[in-house]
Structures are given as structure tokens and as C-alpha cells.
């Protein structure tokens, strides 16, 4: 998710997206352990998106 897209969201939407990305990260960890992870960059991208959303939640 791009920063411009994240800035347009309301606080409730940010919380929902944060939970969604945390679940995605949890699933990516399991795929990594099992060797089923096809795109390792997705792991890093998801962590950065979680950080961006958390920062904006604290800001608002």
C-alpha cells in the first residue's frame, strides 16, 4: 500500500488494515518456515506497511 493511499483512510479503516496486514505477516511467516514462500520481498513490504499504518494511527 502506498503512503498516499494510507493517508486517505480514516482511523477505523487504518485499524482494520493494520489487523489485516498483521494476519498477512503471520501467514507469510508460516509459508517461509514451510518453504512455500514464492516472493520473499512480500515479507519486507508487509512489515514496512504495518510500520507506516502504525505511525499514522499514532499521529492521528
PDB file of N, CA and C in Angstrom:
ATOM      1  N   UNK A   1       0.831  -1.172   0.000  1.00  0.00           N
ATOM      2  CA  UNK A   1       0.000   0.000   0.000  1.00  0.00           C
ATOM      3  C   UNK A   1       0.882   1.243   0.000  1.00  0.00           C
ATOM      4  N   UNK A   2       0.550   2.188  -0.843  1.00  0.00           N
ATOM      5  CA  UNK A   2       1.319   3.423  -0.949  1.00  0.00           C
ATOM      6  C   UNK A   2       0.927   4.383   0.170  1.00  0.00           C
ATOM      7  N   UNK A   3       1.830   5.291   0.483  1.00  0.00           N
ATOM      8  CA  UNK A   3       1.596   6.257   1.553  1.00  0.00           C
ATOM      9  C   UNK A   3       0.420   7.169   1.233  1.00  0.00           C
ATOM     10  N   UNK A   4       0.249   7.532  -0.030  1.00  0.00           N
ATOM     11  CA  UNK A   4      -0.870   8.387  -0.413  1.00  0.00           C
ATOM     12  C   UNK A   4      -2.202   7.687  -0.166  1.00  0.00           C
ATOM     13  N   UNK A   5      -2.253   6.391  -0.427  1.00  0.00           N
ATOM     14  CA  UNK A   5      -3.471   5.617  -0.183  1.00  0.00           C
ATOM     15  C   UNK A   5      -3.759   5.530   1.315  1.00  0.00           C
ATOM     16  N   UNK A   6      -2.716   5.357   2.097  1.00  0.00           N
ATOM     17  CA  UNK A   6      -2.873   5.220   3.546  1.00  0.00           C
ATOM     18  C   UNK A   6      -3.348   6.536   4.163  1.00  0.00           C
ATOM     19  N   UNK A   7      -2.851   7.655   3.665  1.00  0.00           N
ATOM     20  CA  UNK A   7      -3.232   8.964   4.210  1.00  0.00           C
ATOM     21  C   UNK A   7      -4.707   9.274   4.023  1.00  0.00           C
ATOM     22  N   UNK A   8      -5.331   8.704   3.008  1.00  0.00           N
ATOM     23  CA  UNK A   8      -6.729   8.978   2.718  1.00  0.00           C
ATOM     24  C   UNK A   8      -7.691   8.211   3.633  1.00  0.00           C
ATOM     25  N   UNK A   9      -7.195   7.222   4.344  1.00  0.00           N
ATOM     26  CA  UNK A   9      -8.051   6.369   5.159  1.00  0.00           C
ATOM     27  C   UNK A   9      -8.398   7.029   6.490  1.00  0.00           C
ATOM     28  N   UNK A  10      -9.568   6.645   7.023  1.00  0.00           N
ATOM     29  CA  UNK A  10      -9.967   7.121   8.346  1.00  0.00           C
ATOM     30  C   UNK A  10      -9.284   6.269   9.409  1.00  0.00           C
ATOM     31  N   UNK A  11      -9.434   6.683  10.657  1.00  0.00           N
ATOM     32  CA  UNK A  11      -8.780   5.961  11.751  1.00  0.00           C
ATOM     33  C   UNK A  11      -9.314   4.529  11.883  1.00  0.00           C
ATOM     34  N   UNK A  12     -10.623   4.342  11.708  1.00  0.00           N
ATOM     35  CA  UNK A  12     -11.202   2.998  11.785  1.00  0.00           C
ATOM     36  C   UNK A  12     -10.690   2.110  10.663  1.00  0.00           C
ATOM     37  N   UNK A  13     -10.589   2.680   9.475  1.00  0.00           N
ATOM     38  CA  UNK A  13     -10.083   1.918   8.337  1.00  0.00           C
ATOM     39  C   UNK A  13      -8.616   1.559   8.541  1.00  0.00           C
ATOM     40  N   UNK A  14      -7.861   2.458   9.168  1.00  0.00           N
ATOM     41  CA  UNK A  14      -6.459   2.173   9.455  1.00  0.00           C
ATOM     42  C   UNK A  14      -6.323   0.996  10.410  1.00  0.00           C
ATOM     43  N   UNK A  15      -7.181   0.958  11.434  1.00  0.00           N
ATOM     44  CA  UNK A  15      -7.135  -0.153  12.380  1.00  0.00           C
ATOM     45  C   UNK A  15      -7.483  -1.474  11.698  1.00  0.00           C
ATOM     46  N   UNK A  16      -8.477  -1.462  10.813  1.00  0.00           N
ATOM     47  CA  UNK A  16      -8.855  -2.682  10.088  1.00  0.00           C
ATOM     48  C   UNK A  16      -7.718  -3.150   9.181  1.00  0.00           C
ATOM     49  N   UNK A  17      -7.102  -2.213   8.483  1.00  0.00           N
ATOM     50  CA  UNK A  17      -5.991  -2.570   7.604  1.00  0.00           C
ATOM     51  C   UNK A  17      -4.790  -3.062   8.395  1.00  0.00           C
ATOM     52  N   UNK A  18      -4.553  -2.484   9.554  1.00  0.00           N
ATOM     53  CA  UNK A  18      -3.445  -2.922  10.401  1.00  0.00           C
ATOM     54  C   UNK A  18      -3.636  -4.377  10.805  1.00  0.00           C
ATOM     55  N   UNK A  19      -4.833  -4.727  11.225  1.00  0.00           N
ATOM     56  CA  UNK A  19      -5.115  -6.114  11.596  1.00  0.00           C
ATOM     57  C   UNK A  19      -4.956  -7.052  10.398  1.00  0.00           C
ATOM     58  N   UNK A  20      -5.403  -6.596   9.228  1.00  0.00           N
ATOM     59  CA  UNK A  20      -5.296  -7.416   8.014  1.00  0.00           C
ATOM     60  C   UNK A  20      -3.833  -7.680   7.668  1.00  0.00           C
ATOM     61  N   UNK A  21      -3.007  -6.645   7.734  1.00  0.00           N
ATOM     62  CA  UNK A  21      -1.599  -6.816   7.399  1.00  0.00           C
ATOM     63  C   UNK A  21      -0.860  -7.646   8.448  1.00  0.00           C
ATOM     64  N   UNK A  22      -1.264  -7.558   9.704  1.00  0.00           N
ATOM     65  CA  UNK A  22      -0.652  -8.401  10.731  1.00  0.00           C
ATOM     66  C   UNK A  22      -0.973  -9.870  10.488  1.00  0.00           C
ATOM     67  N   UNK A  23      -2.207 -10.166  10.058  1.00  0.00           N
ATOM     68  CA  UNK A  23      -2.575 -11.542   9.718  1.00  0.00           C
ATOM     69  C   UNK A  23      -1.791 -12.027   8.510  1.00  0.00           C
ATOM     70  N   UNK A  24      -1.612 -11.140   7.523  1.00  0.00           N
ATOM     71  CA  UNK A  24      -0.826 -11.494   6.346  1.00  0.00           C
ATOM     72  C   UNK A  24       0.612 -11.825   6.735  1.00  0.00           C
ATOM     73  N   UNK A  25       1.189 -11.023   7.614  1.00  0.00           N
ATOM     74  CA  UNK A  25       2.553 -11.254   8.063  1.00  0.00           C
ATOM     75  C   UNK A  25       2.666 -12.585   8.802  1.00  0.00           C
ATOM     76  N   UNK A  26       1.663 -12.896   9.617  1.00  0.00           N
ATOM     77  CA  UNK A  26       1.625 -14.165  10.330  1.00  0.00           C
ATOM     78  C   UNK A  26       1.621 -15.332   9.343  1.00  0.00           C
ATOM     79  N   UNK A  27       0.801 -15.222   8.300  1.00  0.00           N
ATOM     80  CA  UNK A  27       0.731 -16.271   7.290  1.00  0.00           C
ATOM     81  C   UNK A  27       2.025 -16.373   6.482  1.00  0.00           C
ATOM     82  N   UNK A  28       2.649 -15.233   6.219  1.00  0.00           N
ATOM     83  CA  UNK A  28       3.914 -15.251   5.486  1.00  0.00           C
ATOM     84  C   UNK A  28       5.006 -15.957   6.291  1.00  0.00           C
ATOM     85  N   UNK A  29       4.990 -15.781   7.606  1.00  0.00           N
ATOM     86  CA  UNK A  29       5.982 -16.466   8.449  1.00  0.00           C
ATOM     87  C   UNK A  29       5.836 -17.981   8.344  1.00  0.00           C
ATOM     88  N   UNK A  30       4.595 -18.466   8.337  1.00  0.00           N
ATOM     89  CA  UNK A  30       4.375 -19.898   8.218  1.00  0.00           C
ATOM     90  C   UNK A  30       4.803 -20.409   6.844  1.00  0.00           C
ATOM     91  N   UNK A  31       4.519 -19.640   5.808  1.00  0.00           N
ATOM     92  CA  UNK A  31       4.946 -20.039   4.466  1.00  0.00           C
ATOM     93  C   UNK A  31       6.462 -20.081   4.360  1.00  0.00           C
ATOM     94  N   UNK A  32       7.130 -19.137   5.033  1.00  0.00           N
ATOM     95  CA  UNK A  32       8.589 -19.096   4.997  1.00  0.00           C
ATOM     96  C   UNK A  32       9.177 -20.336   5.664  1.00  0.00           C
ATOM     97  N   UNK A  33       8.606 -20.718   6.789  1.00  0.00           N
ATOM     98  CA  UNK A  33       9.090 -21.898   7.514  1.00  0.00           C
ATOM     99  C   UNK A  33       8.881 -23.164   6.687  1.00  0.00           C
ATOM    100  N   UNK A  34       7.736 -23.267   6.030  1.00  0.00           N
ATOM    101  CA  UNK A  34       7.408 -24.456   5.248  1.00  0.00           C
ATOM    102  C   UNK A  34       8.057 -24.458   3.874  1.00  0.00           C
ATOM    103  N   UNK A  35       8.693 -23.377   3.489  1.00  0.00           N
ATOM    104  CA  UNK A  35       9.340 -23.307   2.193  1.00  0.00           C
ATOM    105  C   UNK A  35       8.386 -23.015   1.054  1.00  0.00           C
ATOM    106  N   UNK A  36       7.208 -22.502   1.338  1.00  0.00           N
ATOM    107  CA  UNK A  36       6.208 -22.233   0.322  1.00  0.00           C
ATOM    108  C   UNK A  36       6.187 -20.761  -0.099  1.00  0.00           C
ATOM    109  N   UNK A  37       7.084 -19.973   0.436  1.00  0.00           N
ATOM    110  CA  UNK A  37       7.112 -18.545   0.136  1.00  0.00           C
ATOM    111  C   UNK A  37       7.745 -18.336  -1.239  1.00  0.00           C
ATOM    112  N   UNK A  38       6.939 -17.817  -2.174  1.00  0.00           N
ATOM    113  CA  UNK A  38       7.427 -17.632  -3.536  1.00  0.00           C
ATOM    114  C   UNK A  38       8.041 -16.256  -3.744  1.00  0.00           C
ATOM    115  N   UNK A  39       7.589 -15.263  -2.980  1.00  0.00           N
ATOM    116  CA  UNK A  39       8.070 -13.899  -3.154  1.00  0.00           C
ATOM    117  C   UNK A  39       8.573 -13.365  -1.814  1.00  0.00           C
ATOM    118  N   UNK A  40       9.864 -13.501  -1.515  1.00  0.00           N
ATOM    119  CA  UNK A  40      10.396 -13.073  -0.224  1.00  0.00           C
ATOM    120  C   UNK A  40      10.299 -11.562   0.015  1.00  0.00           C
ATOM    121  N   UNK A  41      10.221 -10.783  -1.041  1.00  0.00           N
ATOM    122  CA  UNK A  41      10.124  -9.334  -0.864  1.00  0.00           C
ATOM    123  C   UNK A  41       8.780  -8.930  -0.268  1.00  0.00           C
ATOM    124  N   UNK A  42       7.773  -9.773  -0.402  1.00  0.00           N
ATOM    125  CA  UNK A  42       6.449  -9.509   0.170  1.00  0.00           C
ATOM    126  C   UNK A  42       6.539  -9.412   1.686  1.00  0.00           C
ATOM    127  N   UNK A  43       7.413 -10.202   2.290  1.00  0.00           N
ATOM    128  CA  UNK A  43       7.626 -10.207   3.735  1.00  0.00           C
ATOM    129  C   UNK A  43       8.088  -8.827   4.208  1.00  0.00           C
ATOM    130  N   UNK A  44       9.081  -8.284   3.540  1.00  0.00           N
ATOM    131  CA  UNK A  44       9.635  -6.979   3.910  1.00  0.00           C
ATOM    132  C   UNK A  44       8.631  -5.861   3.633  1.00  0.00           C
ATOM    133  N   UNK A  45       7.942  -5.956   2.514  1.00  0.00           N
ATOM    134  CA  UNK A  45       6.957  -4.940   2.134  1.00  0.00           C
ATOM    135  C   UNK A  45       5.808  -4.874   3.150  1.00  0.00           C
ATOM    136  N   UNK A  46       5.369  -6.026   3.623  1.00  0.00           N
ATOM    137  CA  UNK A  46       4.284  -6.091   4.602  1.00  0.00           C
ATOM    138  C   UNK A  46       4.714  -5.459   5.926  1.00  0.00           C
ATOM    139  N   UNK A  47       5.938  -5.725   6.350  1.00  0.00           N
ATOM    140  CA  UNK A  47       6.436  -5.135   7.591  1.00  0.00           C
ATOM    141  C   UNK A  47       6.515  -3.613   7.503  1.00  0.00           C
ATOM    142  N   UNK A  48       6.925  -3.101   6.346  1.00  0.00           N
ATOM    143  CA  UNK A  48       7.004  -1.653   6.163  1.00  0.00           C
ATOM    144  C   UNK A  48       5.617  -1.019   6.162  1.00  0.00           C
ATOM    145  N   UNK A  49       4.652  -1.699   5.554  1.00  0.00           N
ATOM    146  CA  UNK A  49       3.285  -1.174   5.518  1.00  0.00           C
ATOM    147  C   UNK A  49       2.697  -1.127   6.919  1.00  0.00           C
ATOM    148  N   UNK A  50       2.957  -2.142   7.722  1.00  0.00           N
ATOM    149  CA  UNK A  50       2.490  -2.157   9.109  1.00  0.00           C
ATOM    150  C   UNK A  50       3.084  -0.970   9.868  1.00  0.00           C
ATOM    151  N   UNK A  51       4.359  -0.694   9.650  1.00  0.00           N
ATOM    152  CA  UNK A  51       5.009   0.431  10.326  1.00  0.00           C
ATOM    153  C   UNK A  51       4.397   1.760   9.893  1.00  0.00           C
ATOM    154  N   UNK A  52       4.110   1.895   8.594  1.00  0.00           N
ATOM    155  CA  UNK A  52       3.507   3.137   8.098  1.00  0.00           C
ATOM    156  C   UNK A  52       2.131   3.365   8.721  1.00  0.00           C
ATOM    157  N   UNK A  53       1.332   2.306   8.756  1.00  0.00           N
ATOM    158  CA  UNK A  53      -0.021   2.432   9.306  1.00  0.00           C
ATOM    159  C   UNK A  53       0.035   2.745  10.796  1.00  0.00           C
ATOM    160  N   UNK A  54       0.919   2.064  11.512  1.00  0.00           N
ATOM    161  CA  UNK A  54       1.039   2.317  12.954  1.00  0.00           C
ATOM    162  C   UNK A  54       1.469   3.753  13.231  1.00  0.00           C
ATOM    163  N   UNK A  55       2.360   4.281  12.421  1.00  0.00           N
ATOM    164  CA  UNK A  55       2.811   5.652  12.585  1.00  0.00           C
ATOM    165  C   UNK A  55       1.663   6.631  12.373  1.00  0.00           C
ATOM    166  N   UNK A  56       0.860   6.397  11.339  1.00  0.00           N
ATOM    167  CA  UNK A  56      -0.262   7.298  11.076  1.00  0.00           C
ATOM    168  C   UNK A  56      -1.339   7.218  12.136  1.00  0.00           C
ATOM    169  N   UNK A  57      -1.559   6.032  12.699  1.00  0.00           N
ATOM    170  CA  UNK A  57      -2.527   5.891  13.781  1.00  0.00           C
ATOM    171  C   UNK A  57      -2.091   6.731  14.981  1.00  0.00           C
ATOM    172  N   UNK A  58      -0.814   6.644  15.316  1.00  0.00           N
ATOM    173  CA  UNK A  58      -0.285   7.420  16.447  1.00  0.00           C
ATOM    174  C   UNK A  58      -0.318   8.914  16.159  1.00  0.00           C
ATOM    175  N   UNK A  59      -0.139   9.278  14.919  1.00  0.00           N
ATOM    176  CA  UNK A  59      -0.146  10.675  14.515  1.00  0.00           C
ATOM    177  C   UNK A  59      -1.541  11.285  14.638  1.00  0.00           C
ATOM    178  N   UNK A  60      -2.557  10.500  14.248  1.00  0.00           N
ATOM    179  CA  UNK A  60      -3.930  10.991  14.295  1.00  0.00           C
ATOM    180  C   UNK A  60      -4.458  10.849  15.700  1.00  0.00           C
TER     181      UNK A  60
END
